[in-house]
Amino acid sequence: MNIMILLSTMTVWLLLAGCAKESMPQQIGQSSSGPTITSSAGPSESAAASAILNSSTSPAQLKAILAKYTTHQIKFFQSLTIGDQQNAAFAIVQGGDVWYITASEAQKLKSNIAYSADNKFNAPFLWTVDNTKIFKCESSAGGSSSRSYAWYVKGGKPVELPYTGMNLLYFGNGQFTTIGDNFDSGFIDGIGAGHTYKLYYLYWTTDGLKEYGGLKITQQQLLKVKGTQEIIDTITEQGHIIDEIYYRANNLININYHTGDKQNGDFGNVTLVYKNNTVTPELAYAGSNSSKAESFKERNLRDFSYGGIYQAALFSKIATYPDKFPMN
């Protein structure tokens, strides 16, 4: 399975957020040789203080500050506003070090990530989510895998986000996708093989990211929904056995299925979008002339599968689960 196809597909239908400005407080450092500002300052001193407090640090000045900490060439640089006209920046330098720069200092956030400016799929992003700045960069892990690193700015300081997965992407309204990759397309004597890449969905909270965990439901529950009988019939008529079915609070349903036995078999899945007591299957690998949702009758069942086995959660520690299935 080609990860480039998956990433290209995602690029078409995901709405990525760009950079925007926000207001967050930041303290301004003052050297011992600088002016002393007191409540009894005269007009000229007050004007000087106001100029300091309202000045902004330009990208060129931030780059000069970074140059005091590293001599490596800057490969990526993105400035942002973190206070009243006070700028900061994220940067990646030659060798893969990630930096956060303010008017007073530069802080190394990560060392030696495998970043390539020539790889468009590894392009860093700066998102604004609920007035919070989030910076994400991708590190190639070798082959077709990668790892996402991300930080959000809180109180003028960067805080690393855990549980970001692979190719973390933001598509608006606090909603994210990430990829869980595994070797679970098939099993031989219980050993998994075949690299798969499955989409999982996350959402933003004031404390970071949460995942839409899957509530396990039965075929009988699913069949109460309009349109599911045809989908179940299509899967079983092609010789597959239905396994776990998960309903998630963002109204997605994942159906796992397999052929053979679980120790020596092939595994696949179908994702359904639930709305108004009906479902629409999602096409996993849409071409330029294909819609993301198409009838099973018009396409091969494999076109609807990311391959492998969907889990209830990719990151169980941050997963939240629905209380019940709407058709209960």
Protein backbone atom coordinates (compact mmCIF):
# COMPACT_ATOMS: atom_id res chain seq x y z
CA MET A 1 0.00 0.00 0.00
CA ASN A 2 1.47 3.31 -1.05
CA ILE A 3 1.59 5.97 1.67
CA MET A 4 2.05 8.68 -0.98
CA ILE A 5 -1.40 7.81 -2.40
CA LEU A 6 -2.90 8.10 1.05
CA LEU A 7 -1.24 11.41 1.80
CA SER A 8 -2.16 12.81 -1.62
CA THR A 9 -5.79 11.80 -1.05
CA MET A 10 -5.81 13.42 2.34
CA THR A 11 -4.39 16.62 0.89
CA VAL A 12 -7.42 16.90 -1.44
CA TRP A 13 -10.17 16.57 1.15
CA LEU A 14 -8.61 17.97 4.31
CA LEU A 15 -8.96 21.71 4.86
CA LEU A 16 -5.66 22.80 6.31
CA ALA A 17 -5.50 25.91 8.46
CA GLY A 18 -2.88 28.56 7.83
CA CYS A 19 -1.22 31.10 10.08
CA ALA A 20 -3.19 33.77 11.94
CA LYS A 21 -2.39 36.27 14.69
CA GLU A 22 -3.47 36.09 18.32
CA SER A 23 -2.92 37.97 21.57
CA MET A 24 -1.17 36.19 24.42
CA PRO A 25 0.75 37.78 27.30
CA GLN A 26 4.51 37.75 27.32
CA GLN A 27 6.95 39.28 29.75
CA ILE A 28 9.66 41.48 28.29
CA GLY A 29 13.14 41.01 29.73
CA GLN A 30 15.33 43.98 30.59
CA SER A 31 19.10 43.99 30.91
CA SER A 32 20.87 45.56 33.89
CA SER A 33 22.32 48.22 31.59
CA GLY A 34 18.94 49.23 30.20
CA PRO A 35 16.68 52.07 31.41
CA THR A 36 15.04 51.78 34.82
CA ILE A 37 11.31 52.45 34.64
CA THR A 38 9.63 53.73 37.81
CA SER A 39 6.33 55.30 38.67
CA SER A 40 8.04 58.70 38.97
CA ALA A 41 9.45 58.67 35.41
CA GLY A 42 9.13 61.88 33.43
CA PRO A 43 7.49 62.20 30.00
CA SER A 44 10.55 61.12 28.04
CA GLU A 45 11.12 58.04 30.24
CA SER A 46 7.44 57.07 29.99
CA ALA A 47 7.56 57.38 26.21
CA ALA A 48 10.65 55.17 26.09
CA ALA A 49 8.96 52.57 28.26
CA SER A 50 5.87 52.62 26.04
CA ALA A 51 8.02 52.17 22.95
CA ILE A 52 9.72 49.13 24.48
CA LEU A 53 6.43 47.56 25.54
CA ASN A 54 4.76 48.11 22.18
CA SER A 55 7.66 47.27 19.92
CA SER A 56 7.73 44.02 17.97
CA THR A 57 10.67 41.80 17.25
CA SER A 58 11.03 41.41 13.49
CA PRO A 59 11.74 38.07 11.83
CA ALA A 60 15.24 39.32 11.00
CA GLN A 61 15.86 40.13 14.66
CA LEU A 62 14.55 36.71 15.73
CA LYS A 63 16.88 35.03 13.25
CA ALA A 64 19.75 37.06 14.69
CA ILE A 65 18.85 35.84 18.18
CA LEU A 66 18.79 32.25 16.92
CA ALA A 67 22.26 32.77 15.39
CA LYS A 68 23.61 33.27 18.92
CA TYR A 69 22.61 29.70 19.77
CA THR A 70 23.38 27.78 16.58
CA THR A 71 25.47 28.28 13.45
CA HIS A 72 23.43 25.78 11.45
CA GLN A 73 21.60 27.06 8.38
CA ILE A 74 17.88 27.75 8.81
CA LYS A 75 15.82 25.34 6.69
CA PHE A 76 12.39 26.49 7.90
CA PHE A 77 11.30 29.64 9.75
CA GLN A 78 7.83 30.82 10.76
CA SER A 79 7.15 33.84 12.96
CA LEU A 80 3.99 34.35 15.01
CA THR A 81 2.47 36.94 17.32
CA ILE A 82 2.31 35.88 20.95
CA GLY A 83 1.52 39.16 22.70
CA ASP A 84 0.94 42.85 22.12
CA GLN A 85 3.06 43.23 18.98
CA GLN A 86 5.65 40.84 20.44
CA ASN A 87 6.76 38.24 17.93
CA ALA A 88 8.19 34.76 18.32
CA ALA A 89 9.13 32.07 15.82
CA PHE A 90 9.56 28.37 15.24
CA ALA A 91 12.54 27.26 13.17
CA ILE A 92 14.15 24.06 11.88
CA VAL A 93 17.86 24.19 11.12
CA GLN A 94 20.24 22.01 9.16
CA GLY A 95 20.65 18.75 11.04
CA GLY A 96 17.03 18.65 12.17
CA ASP A 97 17.03 20.72 15.39
CA VAL A 98 13.71 22.44 16.13
CA TRP A 99 13.86 25.84 17.89
CA TYR A 100 11.46 28.29 19.49
CA ILE A 101 12.70 31.90 19.49
CA THR A 102 11.48 34.94 21.41
CA ALA A 103 12.85 38.46 21.84
CA SER A 104 14.94 37.28 24.79
CA GLU A 105 16.16 33.78 23.91
CA ALA A 106 16.07 30.68 21.69
CA GLN A 107 15.02 27.31 23.08
CA LYS A 108 15.83 23.98 21.43
CA LEU A 109 12.68 21.85 21.38
CA LYS A 110 13.85 18.71 19.59
CA SER A 111 17.15 17.44 18.22
CA ASN A 112 17.92 15.63 14.99
CA ILE A 113 14.49 15.13 13.48
CA ALA A 114 14.67 13.70 9.96
CA TYR A 115 13.32 16.74 8.15
CA SER A 116 13.66 17.40 4.43
CA ALA A 117 12.55 20.70 2.95
CA ASP A 118 12.28 18.97 -0.43
CA ASN A 119 9.58 16.57 0.80
CA LYS A 120 6.23 18.33 0.48
CA PHE A 121 4.55 15.69 2.63
CA ASN A 122 6.79 16.73 5.54
CA ALA A 123 5.93 20.42 5.25
CA PRO A 124 5.61 22.07 8.71
CA PHE A 125 2.38 23.86 9.61
CA LEU A 126 1.44 26.63 12.02
CA TRP A 127 -2.24 26.43 12.94
CA THR A 128 -4.49 28.65 15.02
CA VAL A 129 -6.97 26.54 16.97
CA ASP A 130 -9.33 28.30 19.39
CA ASN A 131 -6.87 31.22 19.62
CA THR A 132 -3.99 28.84 20.35
CA LYS A 133 -0.96 28.55 18.08
CA ILE A 134 0.07 24.98 17.23
CA PHE A 135 3.25 24.19 15.31
CA LYS A 136 3.65 20.78 13.69
CA CYS A 137 6.57 19.23 11.83
CA GLU A 138 7.08 15.75 10.45
CA SER A 139 10.09 13.51 10.94
CA SER A 140 10.67 10.69 8.48
CA ALA A 141 11.17 7.43 10.32
CA GLY A 142 12.47 5.58 7.30
CA GLY A 143 10.61 3.88 4.47
CA SER A 144 7.04 5.14 4.21
CA SER A 145 6.56 5.94 7.90
CA SER A 146 6.98 9.22 9.75
CA ARG A 147 6.26 10.80 13.11
CA SER A 148 4.54 14.08 13.88
CA TYR A 149 5.96 16.47 16.47
CA ALA A 150 3.83 19.37 17.66
CA TRP A 151 3.91 22.18 20.21
CA TYR A 152 1.28 24.69 21.28
CA VAL A 153 2.07 28.10 22.75
CA LYS A 154 0.71 28.72 26.24
CA GLY A 155 1.61 31.83 28.23
CA GLY A 156 4.23 32.65 25.61
CA LYS A 157 5.98 29.30 26.05
CA PRO A 158 5.94 26.16 23.86
CA VAL A 159 4.33 23.01 25.28
CA GLU A 160 4.90 19.72 23.46
CA LEU A 161 1.82 17.77 22.42
CA PRO A 162 1.98 14.02 23.06
CA TYR A 163 0.04 11.43 21.06
CA THR A 164 0.29 13.06 17.66
CA GLY A 165 0.82 9.95 15.54
CA MET A 166 1.85 10.18 11.92
CA ASN A 167 1.03 13.02 9.51
CA LEU A 168 -1.10 14.96 12.00
CA LEU A 169 -3.37 17.30 10.04
CA TYR A 170 -5.85 19.99 11.03
CA PHE A 171 -9.03 20.55 9.03
CA GLY A 172 -10.87 23.23 10.99
CA ASN A 173 -13.26 23.56 13.94
CA GLY A 174 -10.78 21.95 16.31
CA GLN A 175 -10.76 18.68 14.34
CA PHE A 176 -7.64 16.69 13.44
CA THR A 177 -6.70 13.46 11.75
CA THR A 178 -3.67 11.32 12.33
CA ILE A 179 -2.48 8.03 10.86
CA GLY A 180 -1.97 4.84 12.77
CA ASP A 181 0.36 2.53 10.87
CA ASN A 182 0.76 -1.15 11.59
CA PHE A 183 1.72 -4.45 10.02
CA ASP A 184 -1.70 -6.09 10.12
CA SER A 185 -2.91 -6.52 6.55
CA GLY A 186 -2.50 -10.27 6.97
CA PHE A 187 -1.27 -12.83 9.48
CA ILE A 188 0.75 -16.00 9.01
CA ASP A 189 0.89 -18.22 12.08
CA GLY A 190 -0.16 -15.20 14.12
CA ILE A 191 2.60 -12.94 12.82
CA GLY A 192 1.40 -9.75 11.14
CA ALA A 193 2.62 -8.55 7.75
CA GLY A 194 1.62 -5.92 5.22
CA HIS A 195 2.04 -2.24 6.17
CA THR A 196 -1.29 -0.44 6.62
CA TYR A 197 -2.17 3.20 7.31
CA LYS A 198 -5.49 3.95 9.01
CA LEU A 199 -7.05 7.33 9.77
CA TYR A 200 -7.95 8.16 13.36
CA TYR A 201 -9.67 11.36 14.46
CA LEU A 202 -8.69 13.77 17.24
CA TYR A 203 -10.12 17.01 18.61
CA TRP A 204 -8.68 19.98 20.48
CA THR A 205 -9.39 20.82 24.11
CA THR A 206 -7.84 23.42 26.40
CA ASP A 207 -5.60 20.64 27.74
CA GLY A 208 -4.43 19.37 24.34
CA LEU A 209 -5.68 16.66 22.02
CA LYS A 210 -8.33 14.03 22.70
CA GLU A 211 -9.19 11.07 20.48
CA TYR A 212 -12.61 9.89 19.34
CA GLY A 213 -12.59 6.41 20.87
CA GLY A 214 -14.75 3.65 19.43
CA LEU A 215 -17.74 2.14 21.25
CA LYS A 216 -18.08 -1.51 20.26
CA ILE A 217 -21.52 -2.30 18.81
CA THR A 218 -23.15 -5.42 17.33
CA GLN A 219 -24.30 -6.23 13.82
CA GLN A 220 -27.87 -6.23 15.13
CA GLN A 221 -27.46 -2.66 16.36
CA LEU A 222 -25.85 -1.57 13.11
CA LEU A 223 -28.58 -3.16 10.97
CA LYS A 224 -31.14 -0.81 12.54
CA VAL A 225 -29.54 1.95 10.46
CA LYS A 226 -30.75 2.51 6.92
CA GLY A 227 -28.30 1.33 4.24
CA THR A 228 -26.30 -1.05 6.41
CA GLN A 229 -27.90 -4.27 5.21
CA GLU A 230 -26.45 -3.79 1.71
CA ILE A 231 -23.00 -3.11 3.16
CA ILE A 232 -23.03 -6.15 5.45
CA ASP A 233 -24.30 -8.33 2.57
CA THR A 234 -21.57 -7.07 0.23
CA ILE A 235 -18.86 -7.91 2.77
CA THR A 236 -20.16 -11.38 3.61
CA GLU A 237 -21.05 -12.34 0.03
CA GLN A 238 -17.41 -11.82 -0.91
CA GLY A 239 -16.36 -14.39 1.66
CA HIS A 240 -15.41 -12.10 4.53
CA ILE A 241 -16.30 -12.51 8.19
CA ILE A 242 -17.43 -9.44 10.14
CA ASP A 243 -15.31 -8.71 13.21
CA GLU A 244 -15.42 -5.67 15.52
CA ILE A 245 -17.68 -2.72 14.74
CA TYR A 246 -16.87 0.62 16.39
CA TYR A 247 -19.04 3.73 16.62
CA ARG A 248 -17.29 7.05 17.36
CA ALA A 249 -18.73 10.32 18.64
CA ASN A 250 -17.80 12.13 15.40
CA ASN A 251 -20.36 9.85 13.74
CA LEU A 252 -17.94 7.49 12.04
CA ILE A 253 -18.37 3.72 12.13
CA ASN A 254 -15.48 1.32 11.45
CA ILE A 255 -16.29 -2.25 10.41
CA ASN A 256 -13.43 -4.78 10.60
CA TYR A 257 -13.58 -8.00 8.59
CA HIS A 258 -11.28 -10.88 7.68
CA THR A 259 -10.98 -13.95 5.45
CA GLY A 260 -9.45 -17.26 6.49
CA ASP A 261 -8.82 -17.55 10.21
CA LYS A 262 -7.37 -14.90 12.48
CA GLN A 263 -4.00 -16.67 12.75
CA ASN A 264 -3.71 -17.12 8.99
CA GLY A 265 -5.90 -14.63 7.20
CA ASP A 266 -6.30 -11.27 5.51
CA PHE A 267 -7.85 -8.26 7.24
CA GLY A 268 -9.68 -5.19 5.97
CA ASN A 269 -12.18 -2.54 7.04
CA VAL A 270 -14.90 -0.19 5.88
CA THR A 271 -15.62 3.25 7.33
CA LEU A 272 -19.19 4.58 7.31
CA VAL A 273 -20.43 8.12 7.91
CA TYR A 274 -23.55 8.08 10.08
CA LYS A 275 -26.10 10.86 9.61
CA ASN A 276 -29.88 11.07 10.03
CA ASN A 277 -30.20 7.33 10.66
CA THR A 278 -28.44 6.40 7.44
CA VAL A 279 -24.86 5.65 6.49
CA THR A 280 -22.57 6.43 3.58
CA PRO A 281 -19.41 4.38 2.96
CA GLU A 282 -16.17 6.35 2.62
CA LEU A 283 -13.91 5.65 -0.31
CA ALA A 284 -10.42 5.11 1.11
CA TYR A 285 -8.40 5.94 -2.00
CA ALA A 286 -10.26 8.43 -4.17
CA GLY A 287 -8.82 9.37 -7.53
CA SER A 288 -9.09 12.82 -9.10
CA ASN A 289 -12.40 11.86 -10.75
CA SER A 290 -13.87 10.06 -7.73
CA SER A 291 -15.97 11.29 -4.87
CA LYS A 292 -15.01 10.18 -1.40
CA ALA A 293 -18.37 8.48 -0.88
CA GLU A 294 -19.56 6.01 -3.50
CA SER A 295 -21.81 2.99 -3.62
CA PHE A 296 -20.34 -0.45 -3.09
CA LYS A 297 -22.00 -1.39 -6.36
CA GLU A 298 -19.82 1.08 -8.28
CA ARG A 299 -16.44 0.16 -6.82
CA ASN A 300 -14.40 -2.78 -5.59
CA LEU A 301 -14.75 -3.42 -1.87
CA ARG A 302 -10.98 -3.04 -1.49
CA ASP A 303 -11.29 0.61 -2.53
CA PHE A 304 -13.13 1.26 0.74
CA SER A 305 -10.51 -0.38 2.97
CA TYR A 306 -7.38 1.10 4.51
CA GLY A 307 -6.34 -2.46 5.23
CA GLY A 308 -5.70 -4.07 8.58
CA ILE A 309 -7.64 -3.88 11.82
CA TYR A 310 -9.16 -0.74 13.35
CA GLN A 311 -8.67 -0.50 17.11
CA ALA A 312 -11.09 1.10 19.56
CA ALA A 313 -8.43 3.80 19.97
CA LEU A 314 -4.99 4.57 18.61
CA PHE A 315 -4.11 6.34 21.87
CA SER A 316 -6.16 4.87 24.69
CA LYS A 317 -4.80 7.37 27.26
CA ILE A 318 -6.46 10.33 25.51
CA ALA A 319 -9.50 8.55 24.06
CA THR A 320 -13.06 9.48 24.98
CA TYR A 321 -15.95 7.15 24.18
CA PRO A 322 -19.65 7.62 23.37
CA ASP A 323 -22.10 6.65 26.10
CA LYS A 324 -24.26 4.76 23.62
CA PHE A 325 -25.01 4.12 19.96
CA PRO A 326 -27.77 6.46 18.69
CA MET A 327 -29.94 3.53 17.57
CA ASN A 328 -29.99 1.86 21.02
